[in-house]
Amino acid sequence: RAAEWQLDQPAWSGRLRITAKGSTAFIKLEDKTSGELFAQAPVEQFPGIAVEGVTDSSRYFVIRIEDGNGRRAFIGVGFVDRGDAFDFNVALQDHFKWVRQQSELARQAQDLEQGPKLDLGFKEGQTIKLNIANMKKKEGGTGSTRPRPAGPGGLSLLPPPPGGKSSSGERPAPLSTSAQLPGTPITDSLLSWPQPTAAPAADIWGDFAKASG
């Protein structure tokens, strides 16, 4: 019980600092001006015997200090501010939470190493099959190319021959004299277009008119 201590006349006052080395936390009591170490308490487990809270206050604790030569002593430690006592508890809890996480990760890694390993290597004589039917050969001038369908429905539309008639019965218009290709002079030979000769007029009945009924 903290009420049994001489709280109005503490034997020592200073600052408290918590450090860690590996999985062990160290509660260090230091001079608040020079930083000289007064005593320290190694904590290997929390909650544990190294740090215990009193029954009548949340600001006072009993810690076990050690001098490094095997000598130990239990002393009472108290905080003036309740917030400092809360931070003292949280710092120890966070450290040992991290210790438990590291221990769990190490255990999982050990289980993976001891478990069966997946062998992804090729066995002797083992082969694999690759389907490359959908790969296209793209080499300039050497690969064969498919004819591209021209127009809808796969029909190829070609221009009508000179002097012929298109499917609509219209004759292609002659080249206009105002159209000129760059660098090409317009001559009569370029503009001359062979015109179809008109068929001589003839009786459409021919010799059928002379035949006897």
Protein backbone atom coordinates (compact mmCIF):
# COMPACT_ATOMS: atom_id res chain seq x y z
CA ARG A 1 0.00 0.00 0.00
CA ALA A 2 1.33 3.40 -0.98
CA ALA A 3 -0.32 4.95 2.08
CA GLU A 4 2.26 3.21 4.27
CA TRP A 5 5.14 5.04 2.56
CA GLN A 6 6.50 8.41 3.53
CA LEU A 7 5.09 10.17 0.47
CA ASP A 8 5.77 13.65 1.80
CA GLN A 9 9.49 12.89 2.28
CA PRO A 10 10.74 10.78 -0.68
CA ALA A 11 14.26 9.33 -0.32
CA TRP A 12 15.12 10.34 -3.88
CA SER A 13 13.50 12.25 -6.75
CA GLY A 14 14.53 12.40 -10.40
CA ARG A 15 13.43 11.24 -13.81
CA LEU A 16 12.41 7.80 -15.04
CA ARG A 17 13.31 6.52 -18.50
CA ILE A 18 12.47 3.20 -20.18
CA THR A 19 14.87 1.66 -22.71
CA ALA A 20 14.99 -1.75 -24.34
CA LYS A 21 17.69 -4.15 -25.49
CA GLY A 22 16.37 -7.18 -27.32
CA SER A 23 13.36 -8.52 -25.47
CA THR A 24 14.33 -6.97 -22.11
CA ALA A 25 13.10 -3.54 -21.01
CA PHE A 26 15.10 -1.45 -18.52
CA ILE A 27 13.53 1.01 -16.10
CA LYS A 28 16.22 3.59 -15.40
CA LEU A 29 16.11 6.11 -12.57
CA GLU A 30 18.35 9.05 -13.49
CA ASP A 31 19.28 12.40 -12.05
CA LYS A 32 17.02 14.96 -13.69
CA THR A 33 19.86 17.45 -14.15
CA SER A 34 23.02 15.47 -14.95
CA GLY A 35 21.37 12.26 -16.25
CA GLU A 36 23.54 10.15 -13.93
CA LEU A 37 22.11 6.66 -13.34
CA PHE A 38 20.78 6.14 -9.82
CA ALA A 39 19.34 2.63 -10.25
CA GLN A 40 17.83 0.42 -12.94
CA ALA A 41 15.36 -2.46 -13.01
CA PRO A 42 15.53 -5.00 -15.87
CA VAL A 43 12.06 -6.23 -16.86
CA GLU A 44 11.81 -9.51 -18.75
CA GLN A 45 8.05 -9.95 -18.35
CA PHE A 46 5.14 -7.59 -17.80
CA PRO A 47 3.05 -7.91 -15.74
CA GLY A 48 5.53 -9.70 -13.51
CA ILE A 49 7.47 -9.55 -10.30
CA ALA A 50 9.85 -6.91 -11.66
CA VAL A 51 7.04 -4.30 -11.79
CA GLU A 52 3.90 -4.41 -9.65
CA GLY A 53 1.25 -1.82 -8.96
CA VAL A 54 0.08 -1.02 -5.43
CA THR A 55 -3.45 -1.79 -4.31
CA ASP A 56 -4.51 1.70 -3.23
CA SER A 57 -3.28 3.95 -6.09
CA SER A 58 -2.68 3.97 -9.86
CA ARG A 59 0.31 6.33 -9.57
CA TYR A 60 2.61 4.13 -7.45
CA PHE A 61 4.52 0.95 -8.24
CA VAL A 62 7.01 -1.46 -6.69
CA ILE A 63 10.00 -2.21 -8.91
CA ARG A 64 12.93 -4.60 -8.42
CA ILE A 65 16.25 -2.90 -8.99
CA GLU A 66 19.56 -4.70 -9.63
CA ASP A 67 23.14 -3.52 -9.43
CA GLY A 68 24.58 -5.97 -11.99
CA ASN A 69 26.46 -7.99 -9.32
CA GLY A 70 23.54 -10.18 -8.31
CA ARG A 71 22.19 -7.87 -5.60
CA ARG A 72 18.50 -6.93 -5.83
CA ALA A 73 16.15 -4.66 -3.86
CA PHE A 74 12.47 -3.71 -4.02
CA ILE A 75 11.69 0.00 -3.89
CA GLY A 76 8.52 2.04 -4.24
CA VAL A 77 8.21 4.51 -7.11
CA GLY A 78 5.48 7.10 -7.51
CA PHE A 79 4.52 9.74 -10.09
CA VAL A 80 3.24 13.19 -9.22
CA ASP A 81 1.07 13.31 -12.37
CA ARG A 82 -1.43 10.55 -13.15
CA GLY A 83 -0.73 10.94 -16.91
CA ASP A 84 2.93 10.03 -16.38
CA ALA A 85 1.88 6.85 -14.56
CA PHE A 86 -0.37 5.99 -17.52
CA ASP A 87 2.49 6.52 -20.01
CA PHE A 88 4.72 4.30 -17.84
CA ASN A 89 2.21 1.45 -18.13
CA VAL A 90 1.66 1.93 -21.88
CA ALA A 91 5.40 1.97 -22.66
CA LEU A 92 5.90 -1.39 -20.96
CA GLN A 93 2.79 -2.88 -22.59
CA ASP A 94 3.86 -1.77 -26.08
CA HIS A 95 7.33 -3.24 -25.67
CA PHE A 96 6.14 -6.69 -24.63
CA LYS A 97 3.43 -6.65 -27.29
CA TRP A 98 6.22 -6.19 -29.84
CA VAL A 99 8.16 -9.06 -28.18
CA ARG A 100 5.17 -11.39 -28.56
CA GLN A 101 4.73 -10.43 -32.22
CA GLN A 102 8.39 -11.11 -32.99
CA SER A 103 8.17 -14.46 -31.25
CA GLU A 104 5.10 -15.41 -33.27
CA LEU A 105 6.74 -14.42 -36.56
CA ALA A 106 9.84 -16.47 -35.70
CA ARG A 107 7.69 -19.48 -34.87
CA GLN A 108 5.79 -19.22 -38.17
CA ALA A 109 9.05 -18.94 -40.13
CA GLN A 110 10.39 -22.03 -38.37
CA ASP A 111 7.22 -23.98 -39.19
CA LEU A 112 7.58 -23.05 -42.87
CA GLU A 113 11.19 -24.21 -42.94
CA GLN A 114 10.35 -27.54 -41.33
CA GLY A 115 7.26 -28.15 -43.48
CA PRO A 116 7.27 -29.88 -46.88
CA LYS A 117 8.87 -27.78 -49.58
CA LEU A 118 7.28 -27.40 -53.01
CA ASP A 119 9.61 -28.66 -55.72
CA LEU A 120 9.07 -26.64 -58.91
CA GLY A 121 12.13 -27.93 -60.75
CA PHE A 122 12.01 -30.09 -63.91
CA LYS A 123 12.53 -33.77 -63.47
CA GLU A 124 14.77 -35.73 -65.82
CA GLY A 125 12.98 -36.31 -69.13
CA GLN A 126 10.07 -34.03 -68.24
CA THR A 127 8.84 -31.74 -71.00
CA ILE A 128 6.27 -29.01 -71.32
CA LYS A 129 3.98 -28.14 -74.24
CA LEU A 130 3.42 -24.59 -75.42
CA ASN A 131 0.45 -23.68 -77.62
CA ILE A 132 1.67 -21.10 -80.15
CA ALA A 133 -1.13 -21.56 -82.71
CA ASN A 134 -2.39 -18.05 -82.13
CA MET A 135 0.97 -16.38 -82.62
CA LYS A 136 1.31 -14.36 -85.83
CA LYS A 137 4.48 -14.28 -87.87
CA LYS A 138 5.46 -10.68 -88.42
CA GLU A 139 8.45 -10.52 -90.75
CA GLY A 140 8.77 -7.92 -93.46
CA GLY A 141 8.25 -9.38 -96.94
CA THR A 142 8.68 -13.01 -95.89
CA GLY A 143 5.40 -13.95 -94.25
CA SER A 144 2.28 -14.67 -96.16
CA THR A 145 -0.60 -12.29 -95.60
CA ARG A 146 -4.27 -12.98 -95.94
CA PRO A 147 -6.26 -11.00 -98.53
CA ARG A 148 -8.29 -8.36 -96.80
CA PRO A 149 -11.95 -8.33 -97.79
CA ALA A 150 -12.84 -5.11 -99.59
CA GLY A 151 -16.28 -3.76 -98.94
CA PRO A 152 -19.10 -5.23 -96.92
CA GLY A 153 -20.05 -8.83 -97.45
CA GLY A 154 -16.61 -9.80 -98.75
CA LEU A 155 -17.19 -8.41 -102.31
CA SER A 156 -14.41 -6.70 -104.22
CA LEU A 157 -15.55 -3.68 -106.22
CA LEU A 158 -13.48 -2.86 -109.30
CA PRO A 159 -13.84 0.25 -111.50
CA PRO A 160 -15.51 -0.36 -114.89
CA PRO A 161 -13.25 -0.60 -117.95
CA PRO A 162 -12.83 2.44 -120.16
CA GLY A 163 -15.77 2.84 -122.50
CA GLY A 164 -17.84 0.29 -120.67
CA LYS A 165 -20.96 0.76 -118.63
CA SER A 166 -21.28 0.42 -114.91
CA SER A 167 -23.92 -1.61 -113.22
CA SER A 168 -26.11 1.49 -112.93
CA GLY A 169 -25.96 2.19 -116.69
CA GLU A 170 -23.93 5.38 -116.32
CA ARG A 171 -20.75 6.08 -118.26
CA PRO A 172 -17.73 7.26 -116.26
CA ALA A 173 -17.21 10.99 -116.59
CA PRO A 174 -14.16 12.11 -118.62
CA LEU A 175 -11.29 13.79 -116.80
CA SER A 176 -11.93 17.50 -116.34
CA THR A 177 -9.40 19.87 -117.88
CA SER A 178 -9.06 21.77 -114.60
CA ALA A 179 -7.71 18.73 -112.77
CA GLN A 180 -3.92 18.70 -112.95
CA LEU A 181 -1.46 16.45 -111.19
CA PRO A 182 1.49 18.18 -109.54
CA GLY A 183 4.45 18.45 -111.88
CA THR A 184 2.58 16.93 -114.87
CA PRO A 185 1.77 19.26 -117.79
CA ILE A 186 -1.66 18.86 -119.36
CA THR A 187 -1.38 17.79 -122.98
CA ASP A 188 -3.88 16.70 -125.58
CA SER A 189 -2.57 13.20 -125.39
CA LEU A 190 -3.29 13.06 -121.66
CA LEU A 191 -6.79 14.47 -122.07
CA SER A 192 -7.78 12.34 -125.06
CA TRP A 193 -10.15 9.61 -123.97
CA PRO A 194 -11.10 6.83 -126.36
CA GLN A 195 -14.76 7.19 -127.15
CA PRO A 196 -16.79 4.20 -128.19
CA THR A 197 -17.91 4.23 -131.79
CA ALA A 198 -21.63 4.27 -132.31
CA ALA A 199 -23.07 1.16 -133.85
CA PRO A 200 -24.63 1.71 -137.28
CA ALA A 201 -28.35 2.06 -137.21
CA ALA A 202 -30.06 -1.10 -138.31
CA ASP A 203 -33.49 -2.52 -138.31
CA ILE A 204 -33.91 -4.32 -135.04
CA TRP A 205 -36.04 -6.99 -136.75
CA GLY A 206 -33.38 -7.79 -139.41
CA ASP A 207 -34.20 -10.72 -141.62
CA PHE A 208 -37.07 -11.75 -139.44
CA ALA A 209 -39.26 -9.21 -141.24
CA LYS A 210 -38.65 -11.00 -144.54
CA ALA A 211 -39.47 -14.40 -143.30
CA SER A 212 -42.77 -15.84 -144.27
CA GLY A 213 -45.45 -15.87 -141.64
